[in-house]
Protein backbone atom coordinates (compact mmCIF):
# COMPACT_ATOMS: atom_id res chain seq x y z
CA MET A 1 -12.46 31.04 -59.84
CA THR A 2 -11.52 30.05 -56.31
CA THR A 3 -12.01 26.59 -54.99
CA ASN A 4 -12.54 26.22 -51.23
CA THR A 5 -11.28 23.01 -49.78
CA THR A 6 -11.97 21.84 -46.28
CA SER A 7 -9.27 19.77 -44.60
CA THR A 8 -10.16 17.56 -41.72
CA THR A 9 -7.79 15.96 -39.26
CA PRO A 10 -8.31 12.22 -39.16
CA PRO A 11 -9.10 10.85 -35.73
CA PRO A 12 -6.20 9.19 -33.93
CA PRO A 13 -5.99 5.44 -34.38
CA PRO A 14 -7.43 3.38 -31.55
CA PRO A 15 -4.88 2.15 -28.99
CA ALA A 16 -3.34 -1.20 -29.70
CA ARG A 17 -4.81 -4.08 -27.75
CA ALA A 18 -2.51 -6.19 -25.63
CA GLY A 19 -1.98 -9.82 -26.62
CA ARG A 20 -0.73 -12.98 -24.99
CA ARG A 21 2.78 -11.57 -24.61
CA GLU A 22 1.60 -8.58 -22.55
CA TRP A 23 -0.67 -10.67 -20.32
CA THR A 24 2.18 -13.12 -19.73
CA ALA A 25 4.42 -10.19 -18.88
CA LEU A 26 1.80 -8.95 -16.42
CA GLY A 27 1.92 -12.34 -14.69
CA VAL A 28 5.69 -11.95 -14.37
CA LEU A 29 5.23 -8.46 -12.91
CA MET A 30 2.76 -9.73 -10.31
CA LEU A 31 5.43 -11.95 -8.71
CA PRO A 32 7.65 -9.12 -7.41
CA LEU A 33 4.57 -7.08 -6.45
CA LEU A 34 3.23 -10.00 -4.40
CA LEU A 35 6.55 -10.52 -2.64
CA VAL A 36 7.09 -6.82 -1.92
CA SER A 37 3.65 -6.57 -0.30
CA MET A 38 4.17 -9.85 1.58
CA ASP A 39 7.45 -8.60 3.04
CA VAL A 40 5.52 -5.95 4.98
CA SER A 41 4.05 -8.70 7.19
CA VAL A 42 6.38 -11.64 6.63
CA LEU A 43 8.14 -11.24 9.99
CA TYR A 44 4.99 -11.45 12.12
CA PHE A 45 5.75 -15.01 13.21
CA ALA A 46 9.48 -15.07 12.51
CA ILE A 47 10.42 -12.44 15.11
CA PRO A 48 10.37 -14.87 18.10
CA ALA A 49 12.71 -17.28 16.31
CA ILE A 50 14.96 -14.42 15.19
CA SER A 51 15.07 -13.10 18.76
CA ALA A 52 16.09 -16.50 20.11
CA ASP A 53 18.81 -16.92 17.48
CA LEU A 54 20.31 -13.42 17.10
CA GLU A 55 19.39 -12.03 20.56
CA PRO A 56 18.67 -8.47 19.37
CA SER A 57 18.03 -5.67 21.83
CA GLY A 58 14.52 -4.26 22.07
CA THR A 59 15.45 -1.36 19.81
CA GLN A 60 17.12 -3.66 17.29
CA GLN A 61 14.06 -5.91 17.21
CA LEU A 62 11.86 -2.92 16.39
CA TRP A 63 14.21 -1.87 13.57
CA ILE A 64 14.32 -5.41 12.17
CA PHE A 65 10.55 -5.26 11.86
CA ASP A 66 10.00 -1.63 10.85
CA ILE A 67 12.94 -0.52 8.73
CA TYR A 68 11.64 -2.25 5.59
CA ALA A 69 8.39 -0.27 5.59
CA PHE A 70 10.15 3.00 6.50
CA VAL A 71 12.70 2.78 3.69
CA LEU A 72 10.03 1.63 1.23
CA ALA A 73 7.78 4.59 2.04
CA GLY A 74 10.64 7.08 2.04
CA LEU A 75 11.98 6.14 -1.39
CA LEU A 76 8.81 5.53 -3.41
CA MET A 77 8.70 9.03 -4.91
CA THR A 78 12.41 9.02 -5.66
CA MET A 79 12.31 5.66 -7.41
CA GLY A 80 9.16 6.49 -9.36
CA SER A 81 10.78 9.62 -10.73
CA LEU A 82 14.07 7.80 -11.36
CA GLY A 83 12.25 5.13 -13.38
CA ASP A 84 10.73 7.82 -15.60
CA ARG A 85 14.27 8.97 -16.34
CA ILE A 86 16.38 5.85 -16.73
CA GLY A 87 13.65 3.42 -17.82
CA HIS A 88 11.20 1.40 -15.77
CA ARG A 89 12.39 -1.98 -17.00
CA ARG A 90 15.99 -1.12 -16.16
CA LEU A 91 15.04 0.06 -12.68
CA LEU A 92 12.83 -3.00 -12.18
CA LEU A 93 15.67 -5.38 -12.99
CA ILE A 94 18.11 -3.46 -10.79
CA GLY A 95 15.57 -3.61 -7.96
CA ALA A 96 14.99 -7.32 -8.50
CA ALA A 97 18.73 -8.01 -8.27
CA ALA A 98 18.99 -5.92 -5.09
CA PHE A 99 15.89 -7.55 -3.58
CA GLY A 100 17.15 -11.05 -4.32
CA THR A 101 20.65 -10.37 -3.00
CA ALA A 102 19.33 -8.74 0.17
CA SER A 103 16.95 -11.68 0.69
CA LEU A 104 19.88 -14.09 0.57
CA VAL A 105 21.89 -11.99 3.04
CA ALA A 106 18.91 -11.67 5.37
CA ALA A 107 18.26 -15.42 5.34
CA TYR A 108 21.77 -16.19 6.58
CA ALA A 109 22.39 -13.10 8.70
CA ASN A 110 24.38 -13.96 11.82
CA SER A 111 23.81 -10.71 13.68
CA ALA A 112 20.98 -8.27 14.29
CA GLU A 113 22.96 -5.48 12.66
CA LEU A 114 23.41 -7.44 9.43
CA LEU A 115 19.72 -8.37 9.36
CA ILE A 116 18.70 -4.73 9.84
CA ALA A 117 21.00 -3.68 6.99
CA ALA A 118 19.60 -6.43 4.74
CA ARG A 119 16.02 -5.38 5.55
CA ALA A 120 16.93 -1.79 4.64
CA VAL A 121 18.22 -2.94 1.25
CA LEU A 122 15.03 -4.96 0.82
CA GLY A 123 13.14 -1.71 1.37
CA ILE A 124 15.22 0.00 -1.31
CA GLY A 125 14.52 -2.86 -3.70
CA GLY A 126 10.83 -2.78 -2.87
CA ALA A 127 10.70 0.96 -3.54
CA THR A 128 12.05 0.33 -7.06
CA LEU A 129 9.70 -2.58 -7.75
CA MET A 130 6.32 -1.17 -6.73
CA PRO A 131 6.13 1.96 -8.92
CA SER A 132 7.91 0.18 -11.76
CA THR A 133 5.34 -2.63 -11.89
CA MET A 134 2.47 -0.13 -12.08
CA ALA A 135 4.24 2.10 -14.60
CA MET A 136 4.98 -0.86 -16.87
CA THR A 137 1.39 -2.04 -16.56
CA ARG A 138 0.35 1.42 -17.78
CA THR A 139 2.84 1.16 -20.64
CA MET A 140 1.89 -2.32 -21.83
CA PHE A 141 -1.88 -1.89 -21.66
CA THR A 142 -2.80 1.13 -23.75
CA ASP A 143 -6.36 0.01 -24.39
CA PRO A 144 -8.44 1.57 -21.56
CA ALA A 145 -10.57 -1.53 -20.98
CA GLN A 146 -7.58 -3.85 -20.83
CA ARG A 147 -5.63 -1.42 -18.67
CA ALA A 148 -8.50 -1.24 -16.18
CA LYS A 149 -8.53 -5.05 -15.87
CA ALA A 150 -4.75 -5.15 -15.43
CA ILE A 151 -4.80 -2.46 -12.75
CA GLY A 152 -7.65 -4.25 -10.98
CA LEU A 153 -5.48 -7.35 -10.81
CA TRP A 154 -2.55 -5.24 -9.59
CA SER A 155 -4.65 -3.81 -6.73
CA GLY A 156 -5.94 -7.23 -5.70
CA VAL A 157 -2.49 -8.81 -5.68
CA MET A 158 -1.02 -6.00 -3.60
CA THR A 159 -3.80 -6.17 -1.00
CA ALA A 160 -3.79 -9.97 -0.82
CA GLY A 161 -0.01 -10.09 -0.46
CA ILE A 162 -0.11 -8.34 2.91
CA ALA A 163 -2.51 -10.98 4.25
CA LEU A 164 -0.56 -13.87 2.74
CA GLY A 165 2.76 -12.70 4.17
CA SER A 166 1.92 -13.44 7.78
CA VAL A 167 0.46 -16.87 6.98
CA MET A 168 3.44 -17.87 4.87
CA SER A 169 5.71 -16.71 7.69
CA GLY A 170 3.92 -18.92 10.21
CA VAL A 171 3.97 -22.01 7.97
CA LEU A 172 7.64 -21.65 7.03
CA VAL A 173 8.85 -20.94 10.55
CA GLU A 174 6.91 -23.92 11.85
CA HIS A 175 8.51 -26.34 9.34
CA PHE A 176 11.90 -24.72 8.58
CA TRP A 177 14.07 -22.00 10.12
CA TRP A 178 13.35 -18.26 10.16
CA GLY A 179 15.65 -17.54 7.19
CA SER A 180 13.29 -19.46 4.90
CA VAL A 181 10.85 -16.50 4.92
CA PHE A 182 13.46 -14.60 2.88
CA LEU A 183 14.63 -17.43 0.63
CA VAL A 184 11.19 -17.74 -0.99
CA ASN A 185 11.94 -14.43 -2.72
CA LEU A 186 14.81 -15.87 -4.74
CA PRO A 187 12.97 -17.99 -7.35
CA ALA A 188 10.58 -15.16 -8.23
CA MET A 189 13.38 -12.61 -8.57
CA ALA A 190 15.44 -15.03 -10.67
CA LEU A 191 12.43 -15.59 -12.94
CA LEU A 192 11.95 -11.83 -13.29
CA LEU A 193 15.62 -11.31 -14.18
CA ILE A 194 15.40 -14.03 -16.85
CA LEU A 195 12.03 -13.20 -18.40
CA GLY A 196 12.00 -9.43 -17.84
CA PRO A 197 14.43 -8.54 -20.66
CA ILE A 198 12.48 -10.83 -23.02
CA LEU A 199 8.87 -9.90 -22.23
CA LEU A 200 8.94 -6.38 -20.81
CA PRO A 201 9.23 -3.30 -23.03
CA GLU A 202 11.38 -0.41 -21.90
CA SER A 203 9.76 2.98 -21.40
CA ARG A 204 11.09 6.28 -20.17
CA ASN A 205 10.48 9.97 -20.46
CA PRO A 206 12.54 11.00 -23.52
CA ALA A 207 13.08 14.54 -22.18
CA PRO A 208 12.96 14.33 -18.39
CA GLY A 209 15.37 17.15 -17.58
CA ARG A 210 18.06 16.86 -14.97
CA PHE A 211 17.45 14.81 -11.83
CA ASP A 212 16.94 17.11 -8.85
CA LEU A 213 19.20 15.61 -6.19
CA LEU A 214 18.02 18.00 -3.47
CA SER A 215 14.49 16.66 -3.77
CA VAL A 216 15.66 13.19 -2.68
CA PRO A 217 16.57 14.06 0.94
CA LEU A 218 13.65 16.50 1.11
CA SER A 219 11.16 13.79 0.10
CA MET A 220 12.61 11.33 2.62
CA ALA A 221 12.63 13.98 5.36
CA ALA A 222 8.98 14.66 4.57
CA VAL A 223 7.82 11.05 4.54
CA LEU A 224 9.89 9.18 7.13
CA PRO A 225 9.24 11.30 10.27
CA VAL A 226 5.49 11.37 9.59
CA VAL A 227 5.24 7.64 8.93
CA TYR A 228 7.42 6.90 11.97
CA GLY A 229 5.31 9.04 14.29
CA LEU A 230 2.03 7.69 12.97
CA LYS A 231 3.19 4.07 13.29
CA GLU A 232 4.32 4.52 16.90
CA ILE A 233 1.33 6.45 18.25
CA PRO A 234 -1.10 3.47 18.32
CA SER A 235 1.14 1.49 20.68
CA GLU A 236 2.94 4.26 22.59
CA GLY A 237 0.33 7.02 22.68
CA TRP A 238 0.68 10.71 21.81
CA ASN A 239 4.22 10.99 23.09
CA VAL A 240 5.85 14.40 22.55
CA ARG A 241 8.62 12.71 20.54
CA TYR A 242 6.16 11.38 17.98
CA VAL A 243 4.24 14.66 17.74
CA VAL A 244 7.52 16.49 17.10
CA SER A 245 8.48 13.88 14.51
CA ILE A 246 5.20 14.36 12.62
CA THR A 247 5.52 18.15 12.83
CA LEU A 248 9.06 18.09 11.42
CA GLY A 249 7.93 15.81 8.62
CA LEU A 250 5.11 18.17 7.71
CA LEU A 251 7.54 21.11 7.65
CA PHE A 252 9.83 19.22 5.28
CA ALA A 253 6.78 18.29 3.22
CA ALA A 254 6.03 21.99 2.78
CA LEU A 255 9.64 22.57 1.70
CA PHE A 256 9.42 19.64 -0.72
CA VAL A 257 6.23 20.99 -2.30
CA HIS A 258 7.81 24.44 -2.61
CA ARG A 259 10.84 22.90 -4.29
CA GLN A 260 8.69 21.03 -6.79
CA ARG A 261 6.80 24.20 -7.68
CA THR A 262 9.86 26.38 -8.17
CA THR A 263 12.65 24.22 -9.59
CA ALA A 264 13.09 23.88 -13.35
CA ALA A 265 13.20 20.06 -13.26
CA PRO A 266 11.07 18.83 -10.33
CA MET A 267 11.12 15.24 -9.12
CA ILE A 268 7.29 15.29 -9.06
CA ASP A 269 5.90 17.54 -11.78
CA PRO A 270 3.10 19.72 -10.32
CA ALA A 271 1.41 19.46 -13.73
CA LEU A 272 0.29 15.96 -12.69
CA PHE A 273 -2.19 17.56 -10.31
CA ARG A 274 -3.64 19.70 -13.07
CA GLY A 275 -4.86 16.55 -14.79
CA ARG A 276 -8.56 16.32 -14.04
CA GLY A 277 -9.14 13.43 -11.70
CA PHE A 278 -5.55 12.91 -10.51
CA ALA A 279 -5.67 15.04 -7.35
CA PRO A 280 -9.02 13.55 -6.20
CA SER A 281 -7.59 10.07 -6.84
CA VAL A 282 -4.60 10.71 -4.55
CA GLY A 283 -6.85 12.02 -1.78
CA LEU A 284 -9.45 9.26 -2.07
CA ASN A 285 -6.73 6.60 -2.14
CA LEU A 286 -5.34 7.98 1.12
CA ILE A 287 -8.77 7.88 2.77
CA CYS A 288 -9.41 4.35 1.54
CA ALA A 289 -6.06 3.13 2.93
CA PHE A 290 -6.92 4.91 6.19
CA GLY A 291 -9.97 2.71 6.62
CA VAL A 292 -8.72 -0.60 5.26
CA PHE A 293 -5.38 -0.68 7.07
CA GLY A 294 -6.58 1.19 10.14
CA SER A 295 -9.08 -1.57 10.85
CA SER A 296 -6.32 -4.20 10.90
CA TYR A 297 -4.95 -2.65 14.12
CA PHE A 298 -7.99 -4.04 15.93
CA THR A 299 -8.90 -7.19 14.05
CA THR A 300 -5.51 -8.89 14.46
CA GLN A 301 -5.54 -8.21 18.21
CA TYR A 302 -9.16 -9.27 18.46
CA LEU A 303 -8.48 -12.68 16.95
CA GLN A 304 -5.48 -13.35 19.21
CA SER A 305 -6.10 -11.54 22.48
CA VAL A 306 -9.91 -11.47 22.69
CA LEU A 307 -10.76 -14.83 21.09
CA GLY A 308 -7.57 -16.51 22.31
CA LYS A 309 -6.37 -17.83 18.95
CA SER A 310 -2.72 -18.69 18.50
CA ALA A 311 -0.74 -16.45 16.15
CA LEU A 312 -0.85 -18.98 13.31
CA GLU A 313 -4.55 -19.74 13.91
CA ALA A 314 -5.33 -16.03 13.81
CA ALA A 315 -3.41 -15.62 10.55
CA LEU A 316 -5.22 -18.55 8.95
CA TRP A 317 -8.62 -17.20 10.02
CA ALA A 318 -7.59 -13.79 8.70
CA LEU A 319 -7.12 -15.34 5.25
CA LEU A 320 -10.87 -15.91 4.86
CA PRO A 321 -11.72 -12.22 4.29
CA SER A 322 -9.13 -12.18 1.50
CA VAL A 323 -11.06 -14.72 -0.60
CA PRO A 324 -13.53 -12.25 -2.16
CA ILE A 325 -10.80 -9.69 -2.88
CA GLY A 326 -9.91 -11.42 -6.14
CA ALA A 327 -13.39 -10.75 -7.55
CA ALA A 328 -13.84 -7.17 -6.29
CA GLY A 329 -11.52 -5.42 -8.74
CA PRO A 330 -12.67 -7.26 -11.91
CA VAL A 331 -16.36 -6.80 -11.01
CA ALA A 332 -15.86 -3.07 -10.48
CA THR A 333 -14.03 -2.84 -13.80
CA GLN A 334 -16.83 -4.67 -15.60
CA LEU A 335 -19.40 -2.27 -14.19
CA VAL A 336 -17.47 0.75 -15.45
CA GLN A 337 -16.92 -0.79 -18.86
CA ARG A 338 -20.64 -1.50 -19.17
CA GLY A 339 -21.44 2.16 -18.78
CA VAL A 340 -21.82 2.68 -15.04
CA ASN A 341 -20.31 6.02 -14.09
CA ARG A 342 -16.98 5.47 -12.31
CA ALA A 343 -18.05 7.95 -9.63
CA TYR A 344 -20.97 5.69 -8.72
CA VAL A 345 -18.73 2.61 -8.54
CA VAL A 346 -16.19 4.37 -6.29
CA THR A 347 -19.02 5.78 -4.18
CA ALA A 348 -20.47 2.28 -3.82
CA GLY A 349 -17.04 0.96 -2.85
CA PHE A 350 -16.75 3.48 -0.04
CA ALA A 351 -20.32 2.71 1.06
CA ILE A 352 -19.55 -1.02 1.15
CA ALA A 353 -16.39 -0.38 3.18
CA ALA A 354 -18.40 1.84 5.56
CA ALA A 355 -20.90 -1.02 5.95
CA GLY A 356 -17.97 -3.25 6.90
CA PHE A 357 -17.07 -0.84 9.70
CA ALA A 358 -20.73 -0.70 10.74
CA LEU A 359 -20.75 -4.50 11.07
CA LEU A 360 -17.53 -4.35 13.08
CA SER A 361 -19.16 -1.92 15.51
CA LEU A 362 -21.69 -4.67 16.39
CA ALA A 363 -19.04 -7.21 17.45
CA GLY A 364 -19.00 -8.61 20.96
CA THR A 365 -16.28 -10.54 22.76
CA ASP A 366 -17.25 -13.78 20.99
CA SER A 367 -18.09 -12.72 17.43
CA LEU A 368 -15.60 -14.54 15.21
CA TRP A 369 -17.81 -14.83 12.13
CA LEU A 370 -19.21 -11.33 12.45
CA VAL A 371 -15.69 -9.87 12.59
CA LEU A 372 -14.51 -11.98 9.64
CA THR A 373 -17.57 -10.93 7.63
CA ALA A 374 -16.95 -7.29 8.49
CA CYS A 375 -13.32 -7.61 7.37
CA ALA A 376 -14.40 -9.23 4.09
CA VAL A 377 -16.93 -6.46 3.38
CA LEU A 378 -14.33 -3.82 4.23
CA ALA A 379 -11.75 -5.44 1.94
CA VAL A 380 -14.18 -5.76 -0.97
CA GLY A 381 -15.14 -2.10 -0.69
CA GLY A 382 -11.50 -1.06 -0.37
CA VAL A 383 -10.29 -2.97 -3.41
CA THR A 384 -13.25 -1.68 -5.43
CA VAL A 385 -12.20 1.88 -4.63
CA MET A 386 -8.46 1.35 -5.07
CA SER A 387 -8.72 -0.40 -8.41
CA GLN A 388 -10.87 2.34 -9.91
CA ILE A 389 -9.04 5.38 -8.62
CA MET A 390 -5.68 3.86 -9.51
CA ASP A 391 -6.93 3.33 -13.05
CA LEU A 392 -8.29 6.88 -13.12
CA ALA A 393 -5.00 8.34 -11.89
CA MET A 394 -2.86 6.34 -14.31
CA GLY A 395 -5.21 7.06 -17.22
CA THR A 396 -5.12 10.82 -16.69
CA ALA A 397 -1.36 11.03 -16.06
CA PRO A 398 0.96 11.30 -19.08
CA VAL A 399 2.60 7.99 -19.91
CA GLU A 400 6.03 9.62 -19.62
CA ARG A 401 5.30 10.30 -15.93
CA ALA A 402 3.72 6.96 -15.10
CA GLY A 403 6.38 6.18 -12.51
CA SER A 404 5.91 9.49 -10.68
CA ALA A 405 2.12 9.11 -10.78
CA SER A 406 2.29 5.55 -9.44
CA SER A 407 4.71 6.49 -6.66
CA LEU A 408 2.47 9.36 -5.52
CA MET A 409 -0.51 7.04 -5.27
CA GLU A 410 1.50 4.44 -3.36
CA THR A 411 3.03 7.02 -1.02
CA GLY A 412 -0.46 8.33 -0.32
CA GLY A 413 -1.51 4.79 0.51
CA GLU A 414 1.40 4.45 2.96
CA PHE A 415 0.42 7.72 4.64
CA GLY A 416 -3.23 6.73 4.76
CA GLY A 417 -2.52 3.34 6.30
CA ALA A 418 -0.24 4.80 8.97
CA LEU A 419 -2.70 7.61 9.69
CA GLY A 420 -5.59 5.15 9.96
CA MET A 421 -3.75 3.01 12.49
CA ALA A 422 -2.77 6.11 14.48
CA VAL A 423 -6.17 7.82 14.57
CA LEU A 424 -8.39 4.76 14.92
CA GLY A 425 -5.88 3.23 17.31
CA ALA A 426 -5.97 6.39 19.45
CA ILE A 427 -9.79 6.33 19.51
CA GLY A 428 -9.84 2.66 20.49
CA THR A 429 -7.20 3.19 23.16
CA ALA A 430 -9.09 6.14 24.66
CA VAL A 431 -12.28 4.09 24.92
CA TYR A 432 -10.35 1.11 26.33
CA ARG A 433 -8.77 3.22 29.08
CA HIS A 434 -12.14 4.74 29.92
CA GLU A 435 -13.79 1.32 30.19
CA ILE A 436 -11.08 -0.56 32.09
CA PRO A 437 -11.83 -0.62 35.87
CA ASP A 438 -10.01 2.01 37.90
CA SER A 439 -8.91 -0.71 40.32
CA ALA A 440 -6.94 -2.53 37.61
CA PRO A 441 -3.11 -2.37 37.76
CA SER A 442 -1.52 0.51 35.86
CA VAL A 443 -0.10 -1.81 33.21
CA ALA A 444 -3.63 -2.98 32.44
CA HIS A 445 -4.66 0.60 31.63
CA GLU A 446 -2.10 0.80 28.82
CA THR A 447 -2.94 -2.11 26.53
CA LEU A 448 -4.96 -5.29 26.37
CA GLY A 449 -1.71 -7.27 26.21
CA GLY A 450 -0.55 -5.65 29.44
CA ALA A 451 -3.84 -6.52 31.13
CA LEU A 452 -3.69 -10.16 30.04
CA ALA A 453 -0.09 -10.42 31.27
CA VAL A 454 -1.19 -9.75 34.86
CA ALA A 455 -4.72 -11.15 34.61
CA ASP A 456 -3.84 -14.30 36.59
CA ARG A 457 -3.20 -12.10 39.65
CA VAL A 458 -6.41 -10.07 39.39
CA PRO A 459 -9.72 -11.99 39.28
CA GLY A 460 -12.03 -10.85 36.50
CA LEU A 461 -9.43 -8.61 34.87
CA ALA A 462 -9.12 -10.68 31.68
CA THR A 463 -12.87 -10.49 31.02
CA ALA A 464 -13.01 -6.76 31.81
CA ALA A 465 -10.01 -6.03 29.59
CA ARG A 466 -11.43 -7.99 26.65
CA GLU A 467 -14.76 -6.19 27.00
CA ALA A 468 -12.97 -2.82 27.20
CA PHE A 469 -10.92 -3.59 24.08
CA THR A 470 -14.03 -4.66 22.19
CA SER A 471 -15.74 -1.41 23.21
CA GLY A 472 -12.72 0.48 21.89
CA MET A 473 -12.91 -1.43 18.62
CA GLN A 474 -16.61 -0.58 18.37
CA GLY A 475 -15.89 3.12 18.90
CA ALA A 476 -13.13 3.15 16.29
CA ALA A 477 -15.39 1.25 13.88
CA ILE A 478 -18.12 3.87 14.23
CA ALA A 479 -15.57 6.60 13.49
CA GLY A 480 -14.34 4.63 10.47
CA ALA A 481 -17.87 4.14 9.18
CA VAL A 482 -18.60 7.88 9.44
CA LEU A 483 -15.35 8.77 7.67
CA LEU A 484 -15.88 6.35 4.78
CA ALA A 485 -19.53 7.38 4.43
CA GLY A 486 -18.26 10.95 4.09
CA ALA A 487 -15.70 9.73 1.54
CA ALA A 488 -18.55 8.17 -0.47
CA VAL A 489 -20.21 11.58 -0.72
CA LEU A 490 -16.87 13.21 -1.56
CA ALA A 491 -16.24 10.69 -4.34
CA ALA A 492 -19.68 11.27 -5.80
CA VAL A 493 -19.08 15.02 -5.91
CA THR A 494 -15.46 15.12 -7.11
CA LEU A 495 -15.60 12.30 -9.67
CA ARG A 496 -19.09 12.78 -11.09
CA ARG A 497 -17.91 14.77 -14.10
CA VAL A 498 -14.44 13.29 -14.41
CA GLU A 499 -13.81 11.21 -17.50
CA VAL A 500 -10.50 9.58 -18.35
CA ARG A 501 -8.97 11.39 -21.29
CA GLU A 502 -6.09 9.29 -22.47
CA GLN A 503 -2.82 11.18 -22.60
CA PRO A 504 -0.87 10.89 -25.85
CA HIS A 505 1.83 8.28 -25.97
CA GLU A 506 4.15 10.60 -27.76
CA THR A 507 4.53 14.23 -28.66
CA PRO A 508 5.61 15.45 -32.09
CA ASP A 509 9.09 16.41 -30.98
CA GLU A 510 9.58 13.76 -28.29
CA PRO A 511 9.13 10.20 -29.54
CA ARG A 512 8.60 7.64 -26.85
CA ASN A 513 10.91 4.71 -26.36
CA LEU A 514 8.89 1.51 -26.17
CA SER A 515 10.97 -1.03 -28.04
CA PRO A 516 11.78 -4.26 -26.23
CA SER A 517 15.46 -3.49 -26.47
CA GLY A 518 15.03 -0.03 -25.05
CA VAL A 519 16.93 1.66 -27.87
């Protein structure tokens, strides 16, 4: 007599929920993230004082301002992959030490060359901190609902930090000396170095393969020329030098992609893009950054040059649109957790951001509150999108590649922001030059700042230039609204059937390392 038995595989246990320790650790992680994002804009008001003290040349002044963002963008992919290999907590603490040391050197730099070098090291430190904070957030919050809330907070802090940086710079420079904008980094980095080993668990890919050294220069050669060209085009126009720079970067990008697809141990595993939802997330994140950061090219100039606000006044007014950002991510997360399809939430986010551009297209030369409202609507829509697609990307990526996944999303955001400023800036500039009177001096045809510089010698030029700039902003806003409306449709189509399928935290032959000690 034969007895048939049916064996069933028990369902996997539900993911552990994070407790007070993990939420406290998240608060610690938000400090370096806030400072890294603030350092993008922290020199807005410090540059005049630095110029008076260190007397840099024009080229040196540009490098003092830009080298941080260039190095940060160029090393994000490298540092994300490195964190997967050596451990995200270890890399985070190394980056915090480098960031703190470079901040101290920058604060007391006695030459432009030393300040440029310190800003470059700050960029290296920032490139280690950004993907590490996201990867560790993914590691600590394994419950999907809790992870979504944590990533929503991460997105809000990163976006708000850029706005806060310029305001903090103005306040500190007004009451202290320019080096104080760097010294504020030290307490947060010291706190991270003290509490990090206690609160943060270590995580790494237990079988990452060798580190592909050739991919490092290839990734930098792909990112830096493109970001450089895109950042310069809004102010300098489509100069041949910048077009060549972007072209070279794209060629190196093709070589980098080929390397990742053919080498045995790629820096960025192409398998990430086979995860359903990851590739759309990268693309949608880029488009969202295009709109959110591209709009800032106009709104900052509008507040200062059209409305006549001082730099500090403009920065303080610009804080108002940041107020609703804190609620956007959590509200979007709550909607998804209550059963609303994520595709609908992301689609709504893009539609809201498009409405912000539509409002901006209605602005006149004296529309302070309309412009601030438009910026707030844009920011709310942007954070709604970013929080959800970041959660989607991190949820579909294997935990062992959290650093690589995070760095790809952040690099896409850098590209999108630079591309948005270049394209929308070019549209606005074209309209401005078409609208400015032919009789105006040649310098007035280049920029609004150039027109205002000679306006006292040409009656009516200031009014004409402000109207021309506002027309350019309106044209760029219409283009932005059309793009983001198209992105809303794209999100609805590409994400409609995408569900987050949690990747396993370990494989049978490759146990993960998540102990606080890292061993």
